[in-house]
Amino acid sequence: MSVSKYTQKNITKLLKNESIIRNKLKIASAINNAKQFLKIQEEFGSFDKYLWGFVEHKPIKNKFKKLSDLPATTEISEKLSQDLKKRGFNFVGPTICYALMQAIGMVNDHTSQCFLHKK
């Protein structure tokens, strides 16, 4: 079953599941965000197209020398966060958005000494 279709019965079951963080607000948020995700997919054709539009469909390649130089947020992650919130998402602050951007390759923050840093 899609998370977007979870009912109170599913929520009650999740709240009893000791292997997850049992926070009512976060569970409700995950269900809500799944619904909003589907709306974005319908509007843009895919969630991928929506996200990559924030970086003009090209990864940002940063040139940080050390890990302490990496920011927790950027102007783009702030804009993404604001847009997601306008669209009804919850728990999507700019730090979470920046971590997502890093995780999916929208941003390459490998330090210049890292073997994964592409020149």
PDB file of N, CA and C in Angstrom:
ATOM      1  N   MET A   1       0.842  -1.182   0.000  1.00  0.00           N
ATOM      2  CA  MET A   1       0.000   0.000   0.000  1.00  0.00           C
ATOM      3  C   MET A   1       0.885   1.242   0.000  1.00  0.00           C
ATOM      4  N   SER A   2       0.516   2.220  -0.768  1.00  0.00           N
ATOM      5  CA  SER A   2       1.236   3.485  -0.824  1.00  0.00           C
ATOM      6  C   SER A   2       1.070   4.252   0.489  1.00  0.00           C
ATOM      7  N   VAL A   3       2.142   4.851   0.950  1.00  0.00           N
ATOM      8  CA  VAL A   3       2.097   5.636   2.189  1.00  0.00           C
ATOM      9  C   VAL A   3       1.044   6.731   2.086  1.00  0.00           C
ATOM     10  N   SER A   4       0.820   7.259   0.900  1.00  0.00           N
ATOM     11  CA  SER A   4      -0.167   8.320   0.731  1.00  0.00           C
ATOM     12  C   SER A   4      -1.589   7.862   1.048  1.00  0.00           C
ATOM     13  N   LYS A   5      -1.799   6.554   1.117  1.00  0.00           N
ATOM     14  CA  LYS A   5      -3.138   6.021   1.382  1.00  0.00           C
ATOM     15  C   LYS A   5      -3.263   5.438   2.797  1.00  0.00           C
ATOM     16  N   TYR A   6      -2.286   5.692   3.641  1.00  0.00           N
ATOM     17  CA  TYR A   6      -2.353   5.179   5.007  1.00  0.00           C
ATOM     18  C   TYR A   6      -3.566   5.753   5.732  1.00  0.00           C
ATOM     19  N   THR A   7      -4.163   4.912   6.559  1.00  0.00           N
ATOM     20  CA  THR A   7      -5.344   5.276   7.336  1.00  0.00           C
ATOM     21  C   THR A   7      -4.975   5.318   8.815  1.00  0.00           C
ATOM     22  N   GLN A   8      -5.953   5.636   9.635  1.00  0.00           N
ATOM     23  CA  GLN A   8      -5.723   5.647  11.083  1.00  0.00           C
ATOM     24  C   GLN A   8      -5.276   4.269  11.578  1.00  0.00           C
ATOM     25  N   LYS A   9      -5.770   3.237  10.949  1.00  0.00           N
ATOM     26  CA  LYS A   9      -5.376   1.864  11.317  1.00  0.00           C
ATOM     27  C   LYS A   9      -3.866   1.683  11.097  1.00  0.00           C
ATOM     28  N   ASN A  10      -3.364   2.169   9.957  1.00  0.00           N
ATOM     29  CA  ASN A  10      -1.925   2.088   9.681  1.00  0.00           C
ATOM     30  C   ASN A  10      -1.127   2.907  10.692  1.00  0.00           C
ATOM     31  N   ILE A  11      -1.627   4.084  11.022  1.00  0.00           N
ATOM     32  CA  ILE A  11      -0.937   4.970  11.968  1.00  0.00           C
ATOM     33  C   ILE A  11      -0.853   4.306  13.342  1.00  0.00           C
ATOM     34  N   THR A  12      -1.954   3.721  13.782  1.00  0.00           N
ATOM     35  CA  THR A  12      -1.985   3.029  15.078  1.00  0.00           C
ATOM     36  C   THR A  12      -0.952   1.905  15.103  1.00  0.00           C
ATOM     37  N   LYS A  13      -0.869   1.169  14.013  1.00  0.00           N
ATOM     38  CA  LYS A  13       0.100   0.069  13.922  1.00  0.00           C
ATOM     39  C   LYS A  13       1.536   0.620  13.976  1.00  0.00           C
ATOM     40  N   LEU A  14       1.789   1.711  13.270  1.00  0.00           N
ATOM     41  CA  LEU A  14       3.122   2.316  13.275  1.00  0.00           C
ATOM     42  C   LEU A  14       3.508   2.808  14.661  1.00  0.00           C
ATOM     43  N   LEU A  15       2.547   3.374  15.375  1.00  0.00           N
ATOM     44  CA  LEU A  15       2.834   3.896  16.707  1.00  0.00           C
ATOM     45  C   LEU A  15       3.201   2.792  17.700  1.00  0.00           C
ATOM     46  N   LYS A  16       2.899   1.568  17.364  1.00  0.00           N
ATOM     47  CA  LYS A  16       3.259   0.428  18.215  1.00  0.00           C
ATOM     48  C   LYS A  16       4.553  -0.246  17.760  1.00  0.00           C
ATOM     49  N   ASN A  17       5.076   0.160  16.619  1.00  0.00           N
ATOM     50  CA  ASN A  17       6.272  -0.454  16.040  1.00  0.00           C
ATOM     51  C   ASN A  17       7.521   0.112  16.723  1.00  0.00           C
ATOM     52  N   GLU A  18       8.168  -0.705  17.530  1.00  0.00           N
ATOM     53  CA  GLU A  18       9.336  -0.249  18.289  1.00  0.00           C
ATOM     54  C   GLU A  18      10.592  -0.073  17.439  1.00  0.00           C
ATOM     55  N   SER A  19      10.552  -0.507  16.189  1.00  0.00           N
ATOM     56  CA  SER A  19      11.746  -0.386  15.345  1.00  0.00           C
ATOM     57  C   SER A  19      11.805   0.952  14.599  1.00  0.00           C
ATOM     58  N   ILE A  20      10.818   1.807  14.801  1.00  0.00           N
ATOM     59  CA  ILE A  20      10.829   3.125  14.166  1.00  0.00           C
ATOM     60  C   ILE A  20      10.686   4.206  15.231  1.00  0.00           C
ATOM     61  N   ILE A  21      10.951   5.437  14.853  1.00  0.00           N
ATOM     62  CA  ILE A  21      10.699   6.573  15.737  1.00  0.00           C
ATOM     63  C   ILE A  21       9.184   6.785  15.739  1.00  0.00           C
ATOM     64  N   ARG A  22       8.591   6.647  16.884  1.00  0.00           N
ATOM     65  CA  ARG A  22       7.131   6.697  16.974  1.00  0.00           C
ATOM     66  C   ARG A  22       6.668   8.099  17.362  1.00  0.00           C
ATOM     67  N   ASN A  23       6.828   9.015  16.473  1.00  0.00           N
ATOM     68  CA  ASN A  23       6.418  10.394  16.688  1.00  0.00           C
ATOM     69  C   ASN A  23       5.192  10.642  15.811  1.00  0.00           C
ATOM     70  N   LYS A  24       4.060  10.939  16.440  1.00  0.00           N
ATOM     71  CA  LYS A  24       2.805  11.120  15.706  1.00  0.00           C
ATOM     72  C   LYS A  24       2.931  12.180  14.609  1.00  0.00           C
ATOM     73  N   LEU A  25       3.601  13.285  14.929  1.00  0.00           N
ATOM     74  CA  LEU A  25       3.740  14.365  13.944  1.00  0.00           C
ATOM     75  C   LEU A  25       4.564  13.923  12.734  1.00  0.00           C
ATOM     76  N   LYS A  26       5.631  13.170  12.988  1.00  0.00           N
ATOM     77  CA  LYS A  26       6.477  12.715  11.881  1.00  0.00           C
ATOM     78  C   LYS A  26       5.769  11.659  11.037  1.00  0.00           C
ATOM     79  N   ILE A  27       5.002  10.810  11.673  1.00  0.00           N
ATOM     80  CA  ILE A  27       4.232   9.808  10.915  1.00  0.00           C
ATOM     81  C   ILE A  27       3.182  10.512  10.052  1.00  0.00           C
ATOM     82  N   ALA A  28       2.469  11.450  10.639  1.00  0.00           N
ATOM     83  CA  ALA A  28       1.463  12.209   9.882  1.00  0.00           C
ATOM     84  C   ALA A  28       2.127  12.986   8.747  1.00  0.00           C
ATOM     85  N   SER A  29       3.298  13.513   9.025  1.00  0.00           N
ATOM     86  CA  SER A  29       4.037  14.261   8.010  1.00  0.00           C
ATOM     87  C   SER A  29       4.454  13.366   6.844  1.00  0.00           C
ATOM     88  N   ALA A  30       4.914  12.152   7.150  1.00  0.00           N
ATOM     89  CA  ALA A  30       5.330  11.227   6.085  1.00  0.00           C
ATOM     90  C   ALA A  30       4.147  10.913   5.165  1.00  0.00           C
ATOM     91  N   ILE A  31       2.969  10.743   5.758  1.00  0.00           N
ATOM     92  CA  ILE A  31       1.772  10.457   4.954  1.00  0.00           C
ATOM     93  C   ILE A  31       1.401  11.681   4.126  1.00  0.00           C
ATOM     94  N   ASN A  32       1.398  12.839   4.758  1.00  0.00           N
ATOM     95  CA  ASN A  32       1.097  14.084   4.045  1.00  0.00           C
ATOM     96  C   ASN A  32       2.095  14.325   2.923  1.00  0.00           C
ATOM     97  N   ASN A  33       3.385  14.168   3.224  1.00  0.00           N
ATOM     98  CA  ASN A  33       4.418  14.421   2.214  1.00  0.00           C
ATOM     99  C   ASN A  33       4.293  13.466   1.034  1.00  0.00           C
ATOM    100  N   ALA A  34       3.870  12.241   1.299  1.00  0.00           N
ATOM    101  CA  ALA A  34       3.658  11.277   0.206  1.00  0.00           C
ATOM    102  C   ALA A  34       2.543  11.773  -0.719  1.00  0.00           C
ATOM    103  N   LYS A  35       1.504  12.347  -0.146  1.00  0.00           N
ATOM    104  CA  LYS A  35       0.403  12.899  -0.950  1.00  0.00           C
ATOM    105  C   LYS A  35       0.882  14.082  -1.784  1.00  0.00           C
ATOM    106  N   GLN A  36       1.678  14.961  -1.167  1.00  0.00           N
ATOM    107  CA  GLN A  36       2.195  16.131  -1.884  1.00  0.00           C
ATOM    108  C   GLN A  36       3.172  15.710  -2.981  1.00  0.00           C
ATOM    109  N   PHE A  37       3.962  14.683  -2.706  1.00  0.00           N
ATOM    110  CA  PHE A  37       4.900  14.129  -3.677  1.00  0.00           C
ATOM    111  C   PHE A  37       4.155  13.719  -4.946  1.00  0.00           C
ATOM    112  N   LEU A  38       3.033  13.029  -4.774  1.00  0.00           N
ATOM    113  CA  LEU A  38       2.238  12.583  -5.929  1.00  0.00           C
ATOM    114  C   LEU A  38       1.708  13.768  -6.736  1.00  0.00           C
ATOM    115  N   LYS A  39       1.344  14.837  -6.051  1.00  0.00           N
ATOM    116  CA  LYS A  39       0.867  16.041  -6.748  1.00  0.00           C
ATOM    117  C   LYS A  39       1.980  16.653  -7.602  1.00  0.00           C
ATOM    118  N   ILE A  40       3.185  16.694  -7.043  1.00  0.00           N
ATOM    119  CA  ILE A  40       4.327  17.235  -7.799  1.00  0.00           C
ATOM    120  C   ILE A  40       4.637  16.340  -8.989  1.00  0.00           C
ATOM    121  N   GLN A  41       4.590  15.031  -8.801  1.00  0.00           N
ATOM    122  CA  GLN A  41       4.814  14.101  -9.916  1.00  0.00           C
ATOM    123  C   GLN A  41       3.833  14.381 -11.045  1.00  0.00           C
ATOM    124  N   GLU A  42       2.583  14.592 -10.684  1.00  0.00           N
ATOM    125  CA  GLU A  42       1.564  14.841 -11.693  1.00  0.00           C
ATOM    126  C   GLU A  42       1.809  16.179 -12.400  1.00  0.00           C
ATOM    127  N   GLU A  43       2.160  17.203 -11.648  1.00  0.00           N
ATOM    128  CA  GLU A  43       2.376  18.535 -12.222  1.00  0.00           C
ATOM    129  C   GLU A  43       3.616  18.596 -13.117  1.00  0.00           C
ATOM    130  N   PHE A  44       4.716  17.961 -12.705  1.00  0.00           N
ATOM    131  CA  PHE A  44       5.987  18.089 -13.416  1.00  0.00           C
ATOM    132  C   PHE A  44       6.349  16.871 -14.262  1.00  0.00           C
ATOM    133  N   GLY A  45       5.584  15.804 -14.157  1.00  0.00           N
ATOM    134  CA  GLY A  45       5.908  14.582 -14.877  1.00  0.00           C
ATOM    135  C   GLY A  45       6.734  13.626 -14.044  1.00  0.00           C
ATOM    136  N   SER A  46       7.508  14.166 -13.113  1.00  0.00           N
ATOM    137  CA  SER A  46       8.266  13.349 -12.156  1.00  0.00           C
ATOM    138  C   SER A  46       8.776  14.271 -11.047  1.00  0.00           C
ATOM    139  N   PHE A  47       9.019  13.685  -9.901  1.00  0.00           N
ATOM    140  CA  PHE A  47       9.597  14.451  -8.797  1.00  0.00           C
ATOM    141  C   PHE A  47      11.027  14.841  -9.147  1.00  0.00           C
ATOM    142  N   ASP A  48      11.692  13.972  -9.890  1.00  0.00           N
ATOM    143  CA  ASP A  48      13.051  14.210 -10.365  1.00  0.00           C
ATOM    144  C   ASP A  48      13.131  15.516 -11.164  1.00  0.00           C
ATOM    145  N   LYS A  49      12.225  15.707 -12.104  1.00  0.00           N
ATOM    146  CA  LYS A  49      12.230  16.940 -12.919  1.00  0.00           C
ATOM    147  C   LYS A  49      12.013  18.168 -12.048  1.00  0.00           C
ATOM    148  N   TYR A  50      11.120  18.037 -11.094  1.00  0.00           N
ATOM    149  CA  TYR A  50      10.864  19.147 -10.171  1.00  0.00           C
ATOM    150  C   TYR A  50      12.145  19.531  -9.428  1.00  0.00           C
ATOM    151  N   LEU A  51      12.788  18.539  -8.795  1.00  0.00           N
ATOM    152  CA  LEU A  51      13.990  18.823  -8.005  1.00  0.00           C
ATOM    153  C   LEU A  51      15.111  19.411  -8.854  1.00  0.00           C
ATOM    154  N   TRP A  52      15.399  18.755  -9.976  1.00  0.00           N
ATOM    155  CA  TRP A  52      16.529  19.186 -10.800  1.00  0.00           C
ATOM    156  C   TRP A  52      16.300  20.551 -11.427  1.00  0.00           C
ATOM    157  N   GLY A  53      15.063  20.996 -11.488  1.00  0.00           N
ATOM    158  CA  GLY A  53      14.780  22.336 -11.988  1.00  0.00           C
ATOM    159  C   GLY A  53      15.414  23.421 -11.126  1.00  0.00           C
ATOM    160  N   PHE A  54      15.658  23.123  -9.865  1.00  0.00           N
ATOM    161  CA  PHE A  54      16.267  24.107  -8.961  1.00  0.00           C
ATOM    162  C   PHE A  54      17.744  24.347  -9.281  1.00  0.00           C
ATOM    163  N   VAL A  55      18.369  23.419 -10.016  1.00  0.00           N
ATOM    164  CA  VAL A  55      19.783  23.582 -10.398  1.00  0.00           C
ATOM    165  C   VAL A  55      19.927  23.569 -11.923  1.00  0.00           C
ATOM    166  N   GLU A  56      18.852  23.924 -12.609  1.00  0.00           N
ATOM    167  CA  GLU A  56      18.829  23.973 -14.069  1.00  0.00           C
ATOM    168  C   GLU A  56      19.287  22.662 -14.702  1.00  0.00           C
ATOM    169  N   HIS A  57      18.948  21.558 -14.045  1.00  0.00           N
ATOM    170  CA  HIS A  57      19.197  20.194 -14.535  1.00  0.00           C
ATOM    171  C   HIS A  57      20.676  19.860 -14.711  1.00  0.00           C
ATOM    172  N   LYS A  58      21.541  20.577 -13.958  1.00  0.00           N
ATOM    173  CA  LYS A  58      22.986  20.310 -13.990  1.00  0.00           C
ATOM    174  C   LYS A  58      23.494  20.265 -12.557  1.00  0.00           C
ATOM    175  N   PRO A  59      24.301  19.261 -12.229  1.00  0.00           N
ATOM    176  CA  PRO A  59      24.821  19.207 -10.860  1.00  0.00           C
ATOM    177  C   PRO A  59      25.759  20.371 -10.560  1.00  0.00           C
ATOM    178  N   ILE A  60      25.692  20.831  -9.345  1.00  0.00           N
ATOM    179  CA  ILE A  60      26.598  21.876  -8.872  1.00  0.00           C
ATOM    180  C   ILE A  60      27.854  21.184  -8.360  1.00  0.00           C
ATOM    181  N   LYS A  61      29.001  21.559  -8.881  1.00  0.00           N
ATOM    182  CA  LYS A  61      30.268  20.958  -8.467  1.00  0.00           C
ATOM    183  C   LYS A  61      31.036  21.980  -7.637  1.00  0.00           C
ATOM    184  N   ASN A  62      31.036  21.757  -6.326  1.00  0.00           N
ATOM    185  CA  ASN A  62      31.753  22.667  -5.435  1.00  0.00           C
ATOM    186  C   ASN A  62      33.213  22.249  -5.320  1.00  0.00           C
ATOM    187  N   LYS A  63      34.033  23.178  -4.847  1.00  0.00           N
ATOM    188  CA  LYS A  63      35.477  22.921  -4.748  1.00  0.00           C
ATOM    189  C   LYS A  63      35.973  23.208  -3.338  1.00  0.00           C
ATOM    190  N   PHE A  64      35.341  22.576  -2.382  1.00  0.00           N
ATOM    191  CA  PHE A  64      35.757  22.756  -1.001  1.00  0.00           C
ATOM    192  C   PHE A  64      37.020  21.943  -0.739  1.00  0.00           C
ATOM    193  N   LYS A  65      37.912  22.498   0.083  1.00  0.00           N
ATOM    194  CA  LYS A  65      39.166  21.803   0.380  1.00  0.00           C
ATOM    195  C   LYS A  65      39.022  20.854   1.566  1.00  0.00           C
ATOM    196  N   LYS A  66      38.234  21.246   2.559  1.00  0.00           N
ATOM    197  CA  LYS A  66      38.074  20.382   3.734  1.00  0.00           C
ATOM    198  C   LYS A  66      36.603  20.337   4.146  1.00  0.00           C
ATOM    199  N   LEU A  67      36.261  19.280   4.884  1.00  0.00           N
ATOM    200  CA  LEU A  67      34.868  19.063   5.275  1.00  0.00           C
ATOM    201  C   LEU A  67      34.289  20.236   6.049  1.00  0.00           C
ATOM    202  N   SER A  68      35.111  20.889   6.851  1.00  0.00           N
ATOM    203  CA  SER A  68      34.615  22.019   7.647  1.00  0.00           C
ATOM    204  C   SER A  68      34.192  23.202   6.769  1.00  0.00           C
ATOM    205  N   ASP A  69      34.560  23.195   5.497  1.00  0.00           N
ATOM    206  CA  ASP A  69      34.162  24.263   4.579  1.00  0.00           C
ATOM    207  C   ASP A  69      32.732  24.073   4.043  1.00  0.00           C
ATOM    208  N   LEU A  70      32.213  22.857   4.139  1.00  0.00           N
ATOM    209  CA  LEU A  70      30.896  22.567   3.581  1.00  0.00           C
ATOM    210  C   LEU A  70      29.799  23.276   4.365  1.00  0.00           C
ATOM    211  N   PRO A  71      28.859  23.895   3.658  1.00  0.00           N
ATOM    212  CA  PRO A  71      27.749  24.554   4.346  1.00  0.00           C
ATOM    213  C   PRO A  71      26.672  23.542   4.744  1.00  0.00           C
ATOM    214  N   ALA A  72      25.831  23.936   5.685  1.00  0.00           N
ATOM    215  CA  ALA A  72      24.685  23.099   6.070  1.00  0.00           C
ATOM    216  C   ALA A  72      23.487  23.405   5.172  1.00  0.00           C
ATOM    217  N   THR A  73      23.464  24.620   4.646  1.00  0.00           N
ATOM    218  CA  THR A  73      22.381  25.043   3.755  1.00  0.00           C
ATOM    219  C   THR A  73      22.979  25.937   2.673  1.00  0.00           C
ATOM    220  N   THR A  74      22.212  26.147   1.632  1.00  0.00           N
ATOM    221  CA  THR A  74      22.599  27.080   0.576  1.00  0.00           C
ATOM    222  C   THR A  74      21.354  27.869   0.171  1.00  0.00           C
ATOM    223  N   GLU A  75      21.559  28.854  -0.655  1.00  0.00           N
ATOM    224  CA  GLU A  75      20.436  29.639  -1.161  1.00  0.00           C
ATOM    225  C   GLU A  75      19.441  28.736  -1.904  1.00  0.00           C
ATOM    226  N   ILE A  76      19.968  27.785  -2.648  1.00  0.00           N
ATOM    227  CA  ILE A  76      19.090  26.883  -3.407  1.00  0.00           C
ATOM    228  C   ILE A  76      18.325  25.956  -2.465  1.00  0.00           C
ATOM    229  N   SER A  77      18.982  25.429  -1.433  1.00  0.00           N
ATOM    230  CA  SER A  77      18.256  24.554  -0.505  1.00  0.00           C
ATOM    231  C   SER A  77      17.195  25.342   0.259  1.00  0.00           C
ATOM    232  N   GLU A  78      17.452  26.620   0.504  1.00  0.00           N
ATOM    233  CA  GLU A  78      16.446  27.492   1.137  1.00  0.00           C
ATOM    234  C   GLU A  78      15.231  27.643   0.211  1.00  0.00           C
ATOM    235  N   LYS A  79      15.494  27.870  -1.079  1.00  0.00           N
ATOM    236  CA  LYS A  79      14.396  28.024  -2.044  1.00  0.00           C
ATOM    237  C   LYS A  79      13.604  26.727  -2.184  1.00  0.00           C
ATOM    238  N   LEU A  80      14.301  25.600  -2.245  1.00  0.00           N
ATOM    239  CA  LEU A  80      13.632  24.313  -2.345  1.00  0.00           C
ATOM    240  C   LEU A  80      12.752  24.088  -1.111  1.00  0.00           C
ATOM    241  N   SER A  81      13.293  24.345   0.056  1.00  0.00           N
ATOM    242  CA  SER A  81      12.548  24.186   1.296  1.00  0.00           C
ATOM    243  C   SER A  81      11.291  25.056   1.295  1.00  0.00           C
ATOM    244  N   GLN A  82      11.442  26.311   0.924  1.00  0.00           N
ATOM    245  CA  GLN A  82      10.300  27.234   0.893  1.00  0.00           C
ATOM    246  C   GLN A  82       9.235  26.758  -0.093  1.00  0.00           C
ATOM    247  N   ASP A  83       9.673  26.284  -1.252  1.00  0.00           N
ATOM    248  CA  ASP A  83       8.721  25.832  -2.262  1.00  0.00           C
ATOM    249  C   ASP A  83       7.987  24.575  -1.794  1.00  0.00           C
ATOM    250  N   LEU A  84       8.723  23.642  -1.206  1.00  0.00           N
ATOM    251  CA  LEU A  84       8.086  22.427  -0.701  1.00  0.00           C
ATOM    252  C   LEU A  84       7.064  22.766   0.385  1.00  0.00           C
ATOM    253  N   LYS A  85       7.415  23.693   1.260  1.00  0.00           N
ATOM    254  CA  LYS A  85       6.482  24.104   2.318  1.00  0.00           C
ATOM    255  C   LYS A  85       5.243  24.767   1.731  1.00  0.00           C
ATOM    256  N   LYS A  86       5.440  25.603   0.708  1.00  0.00           N
ATOM    257  CA  LYS A  86       4.281  26.224   0.033  1.00  0.00           C
ATOM    258  C   LYS A  86       3.362  25.176  -0.570  1.00  0.00           C
ATOM    259  N   ARG A  87       3.947  24.070  -0.986  1.00  0.00           N
ATOM    260  CA  ARG A  87       3.182  22.986  -1.600  1.00  0.00           C
ATOM    261  C   ARG A  87       2.597  22.029  -0.565  1.00  0.00           C
ATOM    262  N   GLY A  88       2.787  22.340   0.716  1.00  0.00           N
ATOM    263  CA  GLY A  88       2.157  21.568   1.776  1.00  0.00           C
ATOM    264  C   GLY A  88       3.022  20.540   2.475  1.00  0.00           C
ATOM    265  N   PHE A  89       4.309  20.465   2.148  1.00  0.00           N
ATOM    266  CA  PHE A  89       5.203  19.510   2.800  1.00  0.00           C
ATOM    267  C   PHE A  89       5.528  19.980   4.220  1.00  0.00           C
ATOM    268  N   ASN A  90       5.880  19.014   5.073  1.00  0.00           N
ATOM    269  CA  ASN A  90       6.309  19.301   6.444  1.00  0.00           C
ATOM    270  C   ASN A  90       7.681  18.680   6.667  1.00  0.00           C
ATOM    271  N   PHE A  91       8.382  19.180   7.676  1.00  0.00           N
ATOM    272  CA  PHE A  91       9.708  18.663   8.053  1.00  0.00           C
ATOM    273  C   PHE A  91      10.663  18.683   6.861  1.00  0.00           C
ATOM    274  N   VAL A  92      10.673  19.773   6.123  1.00  0.00           N
ATOM    275  CA  VAL A  92      11.548  19.906   4.951  1.00  0.00           C
ATOM    276  C   VAL A  92      12.319  21.227   5.037  1.00  0.00           C
ATOM    277  N   GLY A  93      13.095  21.364   6.090  1.00  0.00           N
ATOM    278  CA  GLY A  93      13.894  22.567   6.251  1.00  0.00           C
ATOM    279  C   GLY A  93      15.055  22.590   5.269  1.00  0.00           C
ATOM    280  N   PRO A  94      15.749  23.709   5.178  1.00  0.00           N
ATOM    281  CA  PRO A  94      16.842  23.852   4.216  1.00  0.00           C
ATOM    282  C   PRO A  94      18.012  22.902   4.439  1.00  0.00           C
ATOM    283  N   THR A  95      18.270  22.500   5.681  1.00  0.00           N
ATOM    284  CA  THR A  95      19.363  21.554   5.939  1.00  0.00           C
ATOM    285  C   THR A  95      19.002  20.180   5.390  1.00  0.00           C
ATOM    286  N   ILE A  96      17.775  19.746   5.632  1.00  0.00           N
ATOM    287  CA  ILE A  96      17.303  18.456   5.090  1.00  0.00           C
ATOM    288  C   ILE A  96      17.334  18.508   3.564  1.00  0.00           C
ATOM    289  N   CYS A  97      16.897  19.623   3.004  1.00  0.00           N
ATOM    290  CA  CYS A  97      16.882  19.753   1.539  1.00  0.00           C
ATOM    291  C   CYS A  97      18.292  19.698   0.973  1.00  0.00           C
ATOM    292  N   TYR A  98      19.251  20.330   1.669  1.00  0.00           N
ATOM    293  CA  TYR A  98      20.627  20.300   1.170  1.00  0.00           C
ATOM    294  C   TYR A  98      21.193  18.884   1.241  1.00  0.00           C
ATOM    295  N   ALA A  99      20.870  18.171   2.318  1.00  0.00           N
ATOM    296  CA  ALA A  99      21.322  16.772   2.433  1.00  0.00           C
ATOM    297  C   ALA A  99      20.729  15.934   1.293  1.00  0.00           C
ATOM    298  N   LEU A 100      19.477  16.167   0.955  1.00  0.00           N
ATOM    299  CA  LEU A 100      18.852  15.470  -0.173  1.00  0.00           C
ATOM    300  C   LEU A 100      19.579  15.805  -1.473  1.00  0.00           C
ATOM    301  N   MET A 101      19.866  17.075  -1.674  1.00  0.00           N
ATOM    302  CA  MET A 101      20.564  17.502  -2.894  1.00  0.00           C
ATOM    303  C   MET A 101      21.923  16.813  -3.006  1.00  0.00           C
ATOM    304  N   GLN A 102      22.624  16.676  -1.892  1.00  0.00           N
ATOM    305  CA  GLN A 102      23.905  15.981  -1.895  1.00  0.00           C
ATOM    306  C   GLN A 102      23.717  14.493  -2.187  1.00  0.00           C
ATOM    307  N   ALA A 103      22.728  13.899  -1.545  1.00  0.00           N
ATOM    308  CA  ALA A 103      22.513  12.453  -1.660  1.00  0.00           C
ATOM    309  C   ALA A 103      22.152  12.024  -3.079  1.00  0.00           C
ATOM    310  N   ILE A 104      21.424  12.856  -3.810  1.00  0.00           N
ATOM    311  CA  ILE A 104      20.995  12.454  -5.150  1.00  0.00           C
ATOM    312  C   ILE A 104      21.880  13.014  -6.257  1.00  0.00           C
ATOM    313  N   GLY A 105      22.940  13.718  -5.872  1.00  0.00           N
ATOM    314  CA  GLY A 105      23.898  14.178  -6.868  1.00  0.00           C
ATOM    315  C   GLY A 105      23.619  15.543  -7.466  1.00  0.00           C
ATOM    316  N   MET A 106      22.654  16.264  -6.925  1.00  0.00           N
ATOM    317  CA  MET A 106      22.420  17.627  -7.416  1.00  0.00           C
ATOM    318  C   MET A 106      23.597  18.521  -7.047  1.00  0.00           C
ATOM    319  N   VAL A 107      24.277  18.157  -5.971  1.00  0.00           N
ATOM    320  CA  VAL A 107      25.426  18.902  -5.476  1.00  0.00           C
ATOM    321  C   VAL A 107      26.565  17.911  -5.251  1.00  0.00           C
ATOM    322  N   ASN A 108      27.734  18.217  -5.772  1.00  0.00           N
ATOM    323  CA  ASN A 108      28.927  17.403  -5.536  1.00  0.00           C
ATOM    324  C   ASN A 108      29.789  18.161  -4.533  1.00  0.00           C
ATOM    325  N   ASP A 109      29.762  17.699  -3.296  1.00  0.00           N
ATOM    326  CA  ASP A 109      30.527  18.354  -2.243  1.00  0.00           C
ATOM    327  C   ASP A 109      31.743  17.550  -1.807  1.00  0.00           C
ATOM    328  N   HIS A 110      32.204  16.617  -2.643  1.00  0.00           N
ATOM    329  CA  HIS A 110      33.420  15.896  -2.300  1.00  0.00           C
ATOM    330  C   HIS A 110      34.562  16.903  -2.262  1.00  0.00           C
ATOM    331  N   THR A 111      35.357  16.853  -1.212  1.00  0.00           N
ATOM    332  CA  THR A 111      36.471  17.789  -1.098  1.00  0.00           C
ATOM    333  C   THR A 111      37.492  17.517  -2.194  1.00  0.00           C
ATOM    334  N   SER A 112      38.290  18.504  -2.483  1.00  0.00           N
ATOM    335  CA  SER A 112      39.250  18.377  -3.583  1.00  0.00           C
ATOM    336  C   SER A 112      40.258  17.243  -3.362  1.00  0.00           C
ATOM    337  N   GLN A 113      40.485  16.839  -2.119  1.00  0.00           N
ATOM    338  CA  GLN A 113      41.411  15.735  -1.857  1.00  0.00           C
ATOM    339  C   GLN A 113      40.728  14.362  -1.942  1.00  0.00           C
ATOM    340  N   CYS A 114      39.421  14.325  -1.998  1.00  0.00           N
ATOM    341  CA  CYS A 114      38.684  13.062  -2.010  1.00  0.00           C
ATOM    342  C   CYS A 114      38.842  12.352  -3.352  1.00  0.00           C
ATOM    343  N   PHE A 115      39.002  11.034  -3.317  1.00  0.00           N
ATOM    344  CA  PHE A 115      39.150  10.285  -4.563  1.00  0.00           C
ATOM    345  C   PHE A 115      37.874  10.314  -5.404  1.00  0.00           C
ATOM    346  N   LEU A 116      36.760  10.663  -4.800  1.00  0.00           N
ATOM    347  CA  LEU A 116      35.505  10.747  -5.548  1.00  0.00           C
ATOM    348  C   LEU A 116      35.267  12.123  -6.179  1.00  0.00           C
ATOM    349  N   HIS A 117      36.132  13.077  -5.848  1.00  0.00           N
ATOM    350  CA  HIS A 117      36.011  14.428  -6.433  1.00  0.00           C
ATOM    351  C   HIS A 117      36.373  14.362  -7.900  1.00  0.00           C
ATOM    352  N   LYS A 118      35.462  14.779  -8.723  1.00  0.00           N
ATOM    353  CA  LYS A 118      35.716  14.756 -10.172  1.00  0.00           C
ATOM    354  C   LYS A 118      36.124  16.153 -10.605  1.00  0.00           C
ATOM    355  N   LYS A 119      37.220  16.204 -11.339  1.00  0.00           N
ATOM    356  CA  LYS A 119      37.739  17.501 -11.791  1.00  0.00           C
ATOM    357  C   LYS A 119      37.114  17.937 -13.081  1.00  0.00           C
TER     358      LYS A 119
END
